[in-house]
Protein backbone atom coordinates (compact mmCIF):
# COMPACT_ATOMS: atom_id res chain seq x y z
CA UNK A 1 0.00 0.00 0.00
CA UNK A 2 1.25 3.46 -0.83
CA UNK A 3 0.93 6.01 1.95
CA UNK A 4 2.00 9.61 2.24
CA UNK A 5 3.69 9.99 5.60
CA UNK A 6 1.52 7.05 6.73
CA UNK A 7 -1.50 9.38 6.57
CA UNK A 8 -3.60 8.36 3.58
CA UNK A 9 -3.65 5.61 1.01
CA UNK A 10 -3.51 6.42 -2.69
CA UNK A 11 -7.15 5.51 -3.31
CA UNK A 12 -8.29 7.72 -0.44
CA UNK A 13 -6.40 10.67 -1.91
CA UNK A 14 -7.84 10.04 -5.37
CA UNK A 15 -11.38 10.10 -3.99
CA UNK A 16 -11.03 13.45 -2.21
CA UNK A 17 -12.78 16.49 -3.66
CA UNK A 18 -10.65 19.46 -4.72
CA UNK A 19 -10.97 21.32 -1.42
CA UNK A 20 -9.95 18.29 0.65
CA UNK A 21 -7.07 17.38 -1.67
CA UNK A 22 -5.86 21.00 -1.58
CA UNK A 23 -5.51 20.64 2.19
CA UNK A 24 -2.89 17.94 1.54
CA UNK A 25 -0.99 20.09 -0.95
CA UNK A 26 1.26 23.10 -1.07
CA UNK A 27 -0.32 25.60 -3.48
CA UNK A 28 1.73 28.23 -5.31
CA UNK A 29 0.25 30.98 -7.45
CA UNK A 30 2.39 32.81 -9.98
CA UNK A 31 2.36 34.70 -13.27
CA UNK A 32 3.01 32.70 -16.40
CA UNK A 33 2.51 32.91 -20.13
CA UNK A 34 -0.76 31.81 -21.64
CA UNK A 35 -4.22 33.13 -22.43
CA UNK A 36 -5.41 36.35 -20.87
CA UNK A 37 -3.68 39.11 -22.79
CA UNK A 38 -2.82 42.11 -20.64
CA UNK A 39 -4.50 40.52 -17.60
CA UNK A 40 -1.79 37.83 -17.74
CA UNK A 41 0.85 40.35 -16.74
CA UNK A 42 -1.16 41.67 -13.78
CA UNK A 43 -2.50 38.61 -11.98
CA UNK A 44 -1.05 35.40 -10.60
CA UNK A 45 -3.49 32.97 -12.15
CA UNK A 46 -1.07 30.09 -12.81
CA UNK A 47 -1.14 27.37 -10.15
CA UNK A 48 1.41 24.78 -9.01
CA UNK A 49 0.35 22.07 -6.54
CA UNK A 50 2.75 19.80 -4.67
CA UNK A 51 1.47 16.85 -2.69
CA UNK A 52 2.77 17.14 0.88
CA UNK A 53 5.18 14.37 1.80
CA UNK A 54 6.01 13.52 -1.80
CA UNK A 55 7.70 14.96 -4.86
CA UNK A 56 4.55 14.83 -6.98
CA UNK A 57 3.87 18.22 -8.57
CA UNK A 58 1.48 19.48 -11.20
CA UNK A 59 0.81 22.93 -12.60
CA UNK A 60 -1.61 24.63 -14.94
CA UNK A 61 -1.92 28.04 -16.59
CA UNK A 62 -4.31 27.27 -19.43
CA UNK A 63 -7.18 29.41 -18.16
CA UNK A 64 -7.55 33.05 -17.16
CA UNK A 65 -9.15 31.98 -13.90
CA UNK A 66 -7.02 30.94 -10.94
CA UNK A 67 -9.90 28.74 -9.71
CA UNK A 68 -10.08 26.79 -12.97
CA UNK A 69 -6.29 26.49 -13.13
CA UNK A 70 -6.29 25.09 -9.59
CA UNK A 71 -8.91 22.48 -10.53
CA UNK A 72 -6.92 21.55 -13.65
CA UNK A 73 -3.68 21.27 -11.68
CA UNK A 74 -5.34 19.07 -9.04
CA UNK A 75 -6.68 16.82 -11.81
CA UNK A 76 -3.16 16.54 -13.26
CA UNK A 77 -1.84 15.72 -9.78
CA UNK A 78 -4.39 12.92 -9.43
CA UNK A 79 -3.27 11.50 -12.79
CA UNK A 80 0.38 11.67 -11.62
CA UNK A 81 -0.59 9.84 -8.45
CA UNK A 82 -2.35 7.13 -10.49
CA UNK A 83 0.64 6.79 -12.81
CA UNK A 84 3.37 6.61 -10.18
CA UNK A 85 1.85 4.81 -7.19
CA UNK A 86 0.77 1.20 -7.53
CA UNK A 87 -0.96 -0.81 -4.82
CA UNK A 88 -1.00 -4.56 -4.35
CA UNK A 89 -2.93 -6.71 -4.46
CA UNK A 90 -4.53 -5.18 -7.53
CA UNK A 91 -8.27 -4.56 -7.32
CA UNK A 92 -9.83 -4.38 -10.80
CA UNK A 93 -12.20 -1.45 -11.40
CA UNK A 94 -15.83 -2.29 -10.71
CA UNK A 95 -16.96 -0.76 -14.00
CA UNK A 96 -14.78 -1.00 -17.10
CA UNK A 97 -16.26 2.10 -18.73
CA UNK A 98 -15.08 5.46 -17.45
CA UNK A 99 -14.80 8.70 -19.38
CA UNK A 100 -11.59 10.70 -19.01
CA UNK A 101 -13.81 13.64 -17.96
CA UNK A 102 -15.35 11.68 -15.11
CA UNK A 103 -14.15 12.73 -11.65
CA UNK A 104 -13.43 9.09 -10.81
CA UNK A 105 -11.15 8.62 -13.86
CA UNK A 106 -7.87 8.88 -11.88
CA UNK A 107 -9.05 6.12 -9.51
CA UNK A 108 -10.19 4.00 -12.48
CA UNK A 109 -6.79 4.52 -14.12
CA UNK A 110 -4.92 3.64 -10.91
CA UNK A 111 -6.78 0.33 -10.62
CA UNK A 112 -6.23 -0.42 -14.31
CA UNK A 113 -2.49 0.18 -13.92
CA UNK A 114 -2.36 -1.86 -10.69
CA UNK A 115 -3.58 -4.89 -12.65
CA UNK A 116 -1.15 -4.16 -15.51
CA UNK A 117 1.85 -3.97 -13.16
CA UNK A 118 0.70 -7.01 -11.17
CA UNK A 119 0.66 -8.95 -14.45
CA UNK A 120 4.27 -7.80 -15.06
CA UNK A 121 3.36 -5.42 -17.92
CA UNK A 122 1.65 -8.16 -19.93
CA UNK A 123 -1.32 -6.40 -21.52
CA UNK A 124 -2.96 -9.66 -22.58
CA UNK A 125 -2.86 -11.10 -19.04
CA UNK A 126 -4.09 -7.78 -17.61
CA UNK A 127 -6.97 -7.70 -20.10
CA UNK A 128 -7.93 -11.26 -19.22
CA UNK A 129 -7.97 -10.39 -15.50
CA UNK A 130 -10.15 -7.37 -16.26
CA UNK A 131 -12.52 -9.41 -18.42
CA UNK A 132 -11.95 -7.39 -21.58
CA UNK A 133 -10.09 -7.98 -24.84
CA UNK A 134 -6.42 -7.07 -25.18
CA UNK A 135 -7.40 -4.50 -27.83
CA UNK A 136 -9.94 -2.87 -25.51
CA UNK A 137 -7.29 -2.68 -22.78
CA UNK A 138 -4.75 -1.06 -25.12
CA UNK A 139 -7.39 1.45 -26.26
CA UNK A 140 -8.03 2.46 -22.64
CA UNK A 141 -4.31 3.17 -22.22
CA UNK A 142 -3.96 4.88 -25.61
CA UNK A 143 -6.69 7.48 -25.09
CA UNK A 144 -4.60 9.34 -22.49
CA UNK A 145 -1.27 10.54 -23.98
CA UNK A 146 0.47 10.76 -20.57
CA UNK A 147 -0.51 7.18 -19.75
CA UNK A 148 0.49 5.89 -23.19
CA UNK A 149 3.91 7.55 -22.95
CA UNK A 150 4.54 6.30 -19.40
CA UNK A 151 3.54 2.71 -20.25
CA UNK A 152 5.75 2.57 -23.34
CA UNK A 153 8.69 4.11 -21.45
CA UNK A 154 8.26 1.49 -18.74
CA UNK A 155 8.12 -1.31 -21.29
CA UNK A 156 11.29 -0.01 -22.98
CA UNK A 157 13.06 0.23 -19.60
CA UNK A 158 12.23 -3.44 -19.02
CA UNK A 159 13.63 -4.39 -22.45
CA UNK A 160 10.15 -5.14 -23.79
CA UNK A 161 8.56 -4.02 -27.03
CA UNK A 162 6.30 -0.93 -26.82
CA UNK A 163 2.58 -1.33 -27.34
CA UNK A 164 1.34 -0.45 -30.79
CA UNK A 165 -1.25 2.27 -31.18
CA UNK A 166 -4.69 0.83 -31.90
CA UNK A 167 -6.25 1.46 -35.29
C-alpha atoms as a PDB file:
ATOM      1  CA  UNK A   1       0.000   0.000   0.000  1.00  0.00           C
ATOM      2  CA  UNK A   2       1.251   3.460  -0.826  1.00  0.00           C
ATOM      3  CA  UNK A   3       0.928   6.014   1.952  1.00  0.00           C
ATOM      4  CA  UNK A   4       2.002   9.611   2.245  1.00  0.00           C
ATOM      5  CA  UNK A   5       3.690   9.992   5.604  1.00  0.00           C
ATOM      6  CA  UNK A   6       1.519   7.053   6.733  1.00  0.00           C
ATOM      7  CA  UNK A   7      -1.499   9.382   6.571  1.00  0.00           C
ATOM      8  CA  UNK A   8      -3.597   8.361   3.577  1.00  0.00           C
ATOM      9  CA  UNK A   9      -3.652   5.605   1.007  1.00  0.00           C
ATOM     10  CA  UNK A  10      -3.506   6.420  -2.690  1.00  0.00           C
ATOM     11  CA  UNK A  11      -7.148   5.506  -3.311  1.00  0.00           C
ATOM     12  CA  UNK A  12      -8.295   7.716  -0.444  1.00  0.00           C
ATOM     13  CA  UNK A  13      -6.399  10.674  -1.905  1.00  0.00           C
ATOM     14  CA  UNK A  14      -7.844  10.040  -5.369  1.00  0.00           C
ATOM     15  CA  UNK A  15     -11.380  10.098  -3.991  1.00  0.00           C
ATOM     16  CA  UNK A  16     -11.028  13.449  -2.207  1.00  0.00           C
ATOM     17  CA  UNK A  17     -12.776  16.487  -3.657  1.00  0.00           C
ATOM     18  CA  UNK A  18     -10.649  19.457  -4.723  1.00  0.00           C
ATOM     19  CA  UNK A  19     -10.966  21.323  -1.417  1.00  0.00           C
ATOM     20  CA  UNK A  20      -9.948  18.288   0.655  1.00  0.00           C
ATOM     21  CA  UNK A  21      -7.065  17.378  -1.668  1.00  0.00           C
ATOM     22  CA  UNK A  22      -5.858  20.996  -1.578  1.00  0.00           C
ATOM     23  CA  UNK A  23      -5.513  20.645   2.186  1.00  0.00           C
ATOM     24  CA  UNK A  24      -2.892  17.935   1.544  1.00  0.00           C
ATOM     25  CA  UNK A  25      -0.993  20.089  -0.948  1.00  0.00           C
ATOM     26  CA  UNK A  26       1.257  23.103  -1.075  1.00  0.00           C
ATOM     27  CA  UNK A  27      -0.316  25.604  -3.477  1.00  0.00           C
ATOM     28  CA  UNK A  28       1.733  28.228  -5.311  1.00  0.00           C
ATOM     29  CA  UNK A  29       0.248  30.979  -7.452  1.00  0.00           C
ATOM     30  CA  UNK A  30       2.392  32.809  -9.981  1.00  0.00           C
ATOM     31  CA  UNK A  31       2.356  34.701 -13.269  1.00  0.00           C
ATOM     32  CA  UNK A  32       3.015  32.695 -16.398  1.00  0.00           C
ATOM     33  CA  UNK A  33       2.508  32.915 -20.129  1.00  0.00           C
ATOM     34  CA  UNK A  34      -0.760  31.810 -21.639  1.00  0.00           C
ATOM     35  CA  UNK A  35      -4.221  33.134 -22.427  1.00  0.00           C
ATOM     36  CA  UNK A  36      -5.411  36.350 -20.868  1.00  0.00           C
ATOM     37  CA  UNK A  37      -3.678  39.110 -22.788  1.00  0.00           C
ATOM     38  CA  UNK A  38      -2.824  42.106 -20.642  1.00  0.00           C
ATOM     39  CA  UNK A  39      -4.497  40.518 -17.602  1.00  0.00           C
ATOM     40  CA  UNK A  40      -1.793  37.828 -17.743  1.00  0.00           C
ATOM     41  CA  UNK A  41       0.850  40.352 -16.738  1.00  0.00           C
ATOM     42  CA  UNK A  42      -1.156  41.672 -13.784  1.00  0.00           C
ATOM     43  CA  UNK A  43      -2.496  38.610 -11.983  1.00  0.00           C
ATOM     44  CA  UNK A  44      -1.046  35.402 -10.603  1.00  0.00           C
ATOM     45  CA  UNK A  45      -3.494  32.967 -12.152  1.00  0.00           C
ATOM     46  CA  UNK A  46      -1.074  30.088 -12.811  1.00  0.00           C
ATOM     47  CA  UNK A  47      -1.136  27.367 -10.151  1.00  0.00           C
ATOM     48  CA  UNK A  48       1.415  24.779  -9.007  1.00  0.00           C
ATOM     49  CA  UNK A  49       0.349  22.073  -6.537  1.00  0.00           C
ATOM     50  CA  UNK A  50       2.751  19.804  -4.668  1.00  0.00           C
ATOM     51  CA  UNK A  51       1.473  16.847  -2.689  1.00  0.00           C
ATOM     52  CA  UNK A  52       2.765  17.137   0.881  1.00  0.00           C
ATOM     53  CA  UNK A  53       5.183  14.372   1.798  1.00  0.00           C
ATOM     54  CA  UNK A  54       6.013  13.520  -1.802  1.00  0.00           C
ATOM     55  CA  UNK A  55       7.705  14.963  -4.863  1.00  0.00           C
ATOM     56  CA  UNK A  56       4.545  14.830  -6.977  1.00  0.00           C
ATOM     57  CA  UNK A  57       3.874  18.216  -8.570  1.00  0.00           C
ATOM     58  CA  UNK A  58       1.475  19.477 -11.197  1.00  0.00           C
ATOM     59  CA  UNK A  59       0.813  22.931 -12.601  1.00  0.00           C
ATOM     60  CA  UNK A  60      -1.608  24.633 -14.937  1.00  0.00           C
ATOM     61  CA  UNK A  61      -1.923  28.037 -16.585  1.00  0.00           C
ATOM     62  CA  UNK A  62      -4.312  27.266 -19.429  1.00  0.00           C
ATOM     63  CA  UNK A  63      -7.180  29.406 -18.157  1.00  0.00           C
ATOM     64  CA  UNK A  64      -7.546  33.051 -17.165  1.00  0.00           C
ATOM     65  CA  UNK A  65      -9.153  31.983 -13.902  1.00  0.00           C
ATOM     66  CA  UNK A  66      -7.020  30.939 -10.941  1.00  0.00           C
ATOM     67  CA  UNK A  67      -9.899  28.742  -9.713  1.00  0.00           C
ATOM     68  CA  UNK A  68     -10.081  26.787 -12.968  1.00  0.00           C
ATOM     69  CA  UNK A  69      -6.294  26.491 -13.127  1.00  0.00           C
ATOM     70  CA  UNK A  70      -6.294  25.085  -9.587  1.00  0.00           C
ATOM     71  CA  UNK A  71      -8.914  22.483 -10.528  1.00  0.00           C
ATOM     72  CA  UNK A  72      -6.922  21.549 -13.651  1.00  0.00           C
ATOM     73  CA  UNK A  73      -3.675  21.273 -11.676  1.00  0.00           C
ATOM     74  CA  UNK A  74      -5.343  19.070  -9.042  1.00  0.00           C
ATOM     75  CA  UNK A  75      -6.683  16.815 -11.811  1.00  0.00           C
ATOM     76  CA  UNK A  76      -3.163  16.537 -13.263  1.00  0.00           C
ATOM     77  CA  UNK A  77      -1.839  15.720  -9.785  1.00  0.00           C
ATOM     78  CA  UNK A  78      -4.392  12.923  -9.434  1.00  0.00           C
ATOM     79  CA  UNK A  79      -3.268  11.495 -12.788  1.00  0.00           C
ATOM     80  CA  UNK A  80       0.383  11.667 -11.624  1.00  0.00           C
ATOM     81  CA  UNK A  81      -0.588   9.841  -8.455  1.00  0.00           C
ATOM     82  CA  UNK A  82      -2.355   7.132 -10.485  1.00  0.00           C
ATOM     83  CA  UNK A  83       0.645   6.792 -12.812  1.00  0.00           C
ATOM     84  CA  UNK A  84       3.369   6.614 -10.176  1.00  0.00           C
ATOM     85  CA  UNK A  85       1.850   4.809  -7.188  1.00  0.00           C
ATOM     86  CA  UNK A  86       0.766   1.202  -7.529  1.00  0.00           C
ATOM     87  CA  UNK A  87      -0.957  -0.813  -4.820  1.00  0.00           C
ATOM     88  CA  UNK A  88      -1.004  -4.560  -4.351  1.00  0.00           C
ATOM     89  CA  UNK A  89      -2.932  -6.715  -4.462  1.00  0.00           C
ATOM     90  CA  UNK A  90      -4.532  -5.180  -7.528  1.00  0.00           C
ATOM     91  CA  UNK A  91      -8.267  -4.559  -7.318  1.00  0.00           C
ATOM     92  CA  UNK A  92      -9.835  -4.383 -10.798  1.00  0.00           C
ATOM     93  CA  UNK A  93     -12.197  -1.451 -11.404  1.00  0.00           C
ATOM     94  CA  UNK A  94     -15.834  -2.286 -10.715  1.00  0.00           C
ATOM     95  CA  UNK A  95     -16.962  -0.755 -14.001  1.00  0.00           C
ATOM     96  CA  UNK A  96     -14.776  -0.996 -17.103  1.00  0.00           C
ATOM     97  CA  UNK A  97     -16.260   2.101 -18.734  1.00  0.00           C
ATOM     98  CA  UNK A  98     -15.085   5.464 -17.452  1.00  0.00           C
ATOM     99  CA  UNK A  99     -14.798   8.703 -19.381  1.00  0.00           C
ATOM    100  CA  UNK A 100     -11.594  10.699 -19.013  1.00  0.00           C
ATOM    101  CA  UNK A 101     -13.806  13.643 -17.964  1.00  0.00           C
ATOM    102  CA  UNK A 102     -15.347  11.676 -15.112  1.00  0.00           C
ATOM    103  CA  UNK A 103     -14.149  12.734 -11.648  1.00  0.00           C
ATOM    104  CA  UNK A 104     -13.430   9.088 -10.813  1.00  0.00           C
ATOM    105  CA  UNK A 105     -11.155   8.623 -13.860  1.00  0.00           C
ATOM    106  CA  UNK A 106      -7.874   8.884 -11.881  1.00  0.00           C
ATOM    107  CA  UNK A 107      -9.054   6.116  -9.508  1.00  0.00           C
ATOM    108  CA  UNK A 108     -10.188   4.000 -12.482  1.00  0.00           C
ATOM    109  CA  UNK A 109      -6.790   4.524 -14.125  1.00  0.00           C
ATOM    110  CA  UNK A 110      -4.923   3.641 -10.912  1.00  0.00           C
ATOM    111  CA  UNK A 111      -6.776   0.335 -10.621  1.00  0.00           C
ATOM    112  CA  UNK A 112      -6.230  -0.422 -14.312  1.00  0.00           C
ATOM    113  CA  UNK A 113      -2.489   0.180 -13.917  1.00  0.00           C
ATOM    114  CA  UNK A 114      -2.360  -1.856 -10.692  1.00  0.00           C
ATOM    115  CA  UNK A 115      -3.576  -4.885 -12.654  1.00  0.00           C
ATOM    116  CA  UNK A 116      -1.152  -4.162 -15.512  1.00  0.00           C
ATOM    117  CA  UNK A 117       1.849  -3.967 -13.165  1.00  0.00           C
ATOM    118  CA  UNK A 118       0.699  -7.009 -11.172  1.00  0.00           C
ATOM    119  CA  UNK A 119       0.658  -8.953 -14.455  1.00  0.00           C
ATOM    120  CA  UNK A 120       4.266  -7.798 -15.064  1.00  0.00           C
ATOM    121  CA  UNK A 121       3.359  -5.418 -17.922  1.00  0.00           C
ATOM    122  CA  UNK A 122       1.646  -8.157 -19.928  1.00  0.00           C
ATOM    123  CA  UNK A 123      -1.321  -6.396 -21.518  1.00  0.00           C
ATOM    124  CA  UNK A 124      -2.956  -9.658 -22.582  1.00  0.00           C
ATOM    125  CA  UNK A 125      -2.864 -11.097 -19.044  1.00  0.00           C
ATOM    126  CA  UNK A 126      -4.094  -7.778 -17.607  1.00  0.00           C
ATOM    127  CA  UNK A 127      -6.970  -7.699 -20.100  1.00  0.00           C
ATOM    128  CA  UNK A 128      -7.931 -11.260 -19.217  1.00  0.00           C
ATOM    129  CA  UNK A 129      -7.974 -10.388 -15.503  1.00  0.00           C
ATOM    130  CA  UNK A 130     -10.153  -7.371 -16.262  1.00  0.00           C
ATOM    131  CA  UNK A 131     -12.520  -9.406 -18.425  1.00  0.00           C
ATOM    132  CA  UNK A 132     -11.948  -7.388 -21.584  1.00  0.00           C
ATOM    133  CA  UNK A 133     -10.091  -7.977 -24.840  1.00  0.00           C
ATOM    134  CA  UNK A 134      -6.422  -7.065 -25.184  1.00  0.00           C
ATOM    135  CA  UNK A 135      -7.401  -4.500 -27.835  1.00  0.00           C
ATOM    136  CA  UNK A 136      -9.938  -2.868 -25.513  1.00  0.00           C
ATOM    137  CA  UNK A 137      -7.290  -2.678 -22.780  1.00  0.00           C
ATOM    138  CA  UNK A 138      -4.754  -1.059 -25.125  1.00  0.00           C
ATOM    139  CA  UNK A 139      -7.393   1.453 -26.261  1.00  0.00           C
ATOM    140  CA  UNK A 140      -8.033   2.456 -22.637  1.00  0.00           C
ATOM    141  CA  UNK A 141      -4.310   3.166 -22.223  1.00  0.00           C
ATOM    142  CA  UNK A 142      -3.955   4.876 -25.608  1.00  0.00           C
ATOM    143  CA  UNK A 143      -6.691   7.481 -25.086  1.00  0.00           C
ATOM    144  CA  UNK A 144      -4.599   9.336 -22.489  1.00  0.00           C
ATOM    145  CA  UNK A 145      -1.273  10.543 -23.980  1.00  0.00           C
ATOM    146  CA  UNK A 146       0.472  10.756 -20.574  1.00  0.00           C
ATOM    147  CA  UNK A 147      -0.506   7.178 -19.750  1.00  0.00           C
ATOM    148  CA  UNK A 148       0.489   5.890 -23.189  1.00  0.00           C
ATOM    149  CA  UNK A 149       3.911   7.549 -22.950  1.00  0.00           C
ATOM    150  CA  UNK A 150       4.537   6.301 -19.400  1.00  0.00           C
ATOM    151  CA  UNK A 151       3.542   2.711 -20.254  1.00  0.00           C
ATOM    152  CA  UNK A 152       5.754   2.566 -23.336  1.00  0.00           C
ATOM    153  CA  UNK A 153       8.688   4.109 -21.447  1.00  0.00           C
ATOM    154  CA  UNK A 154       8.260   1.490 -18.736  1.00  0.00           C
ATOM    155  CA  UNK A 155       8.121  -1.311 -21.291  1.00  0.00           C
ATOM    156  CA  UNK A 156      11.292  -0.007 -22.978  1.00  0.00           C
ATOM    157  CA  UNK A 157      13.061   0.231 -19.601  1.00  0.00           C
ATOM    158  CA  UNK A 158      12.230  -3.443 -19.017  1.00  0.00           C
ATOM    159  CA  UNK A 159      13.628  -4.386 -22.448  1.00  0.00           C
ATOM    160  CA  UNK A 160      10.150  -5.139 -23.786  1.00  0.00           C
ATOM    161  CA  UNK A 161       8.556  -4.018 -27.030  1.00  0.00           C
ATOM    162  CA  UNK A 162       6.301  -0.930 -26.821  1.00  0.00           C
ATOM    163  CA  UNK A 163       2.578  -1.329 -27.338  1.00  0.00           C
ATOM    164  CA  UNK A 164       1.339  -0.450 -30.789  1.00  0.00           C
ATOM    165  CA  UNK A 165      -1.247   2.266 -31.182  1.00  0.00           C
ATOM    166  CA  UNK A 166      -4.691   0.827 -31.897  1.00  0.00           C
ATOM    167  CA  UNK A 167      -6.246   1.457 -35.290  1.00  0.00           C
END
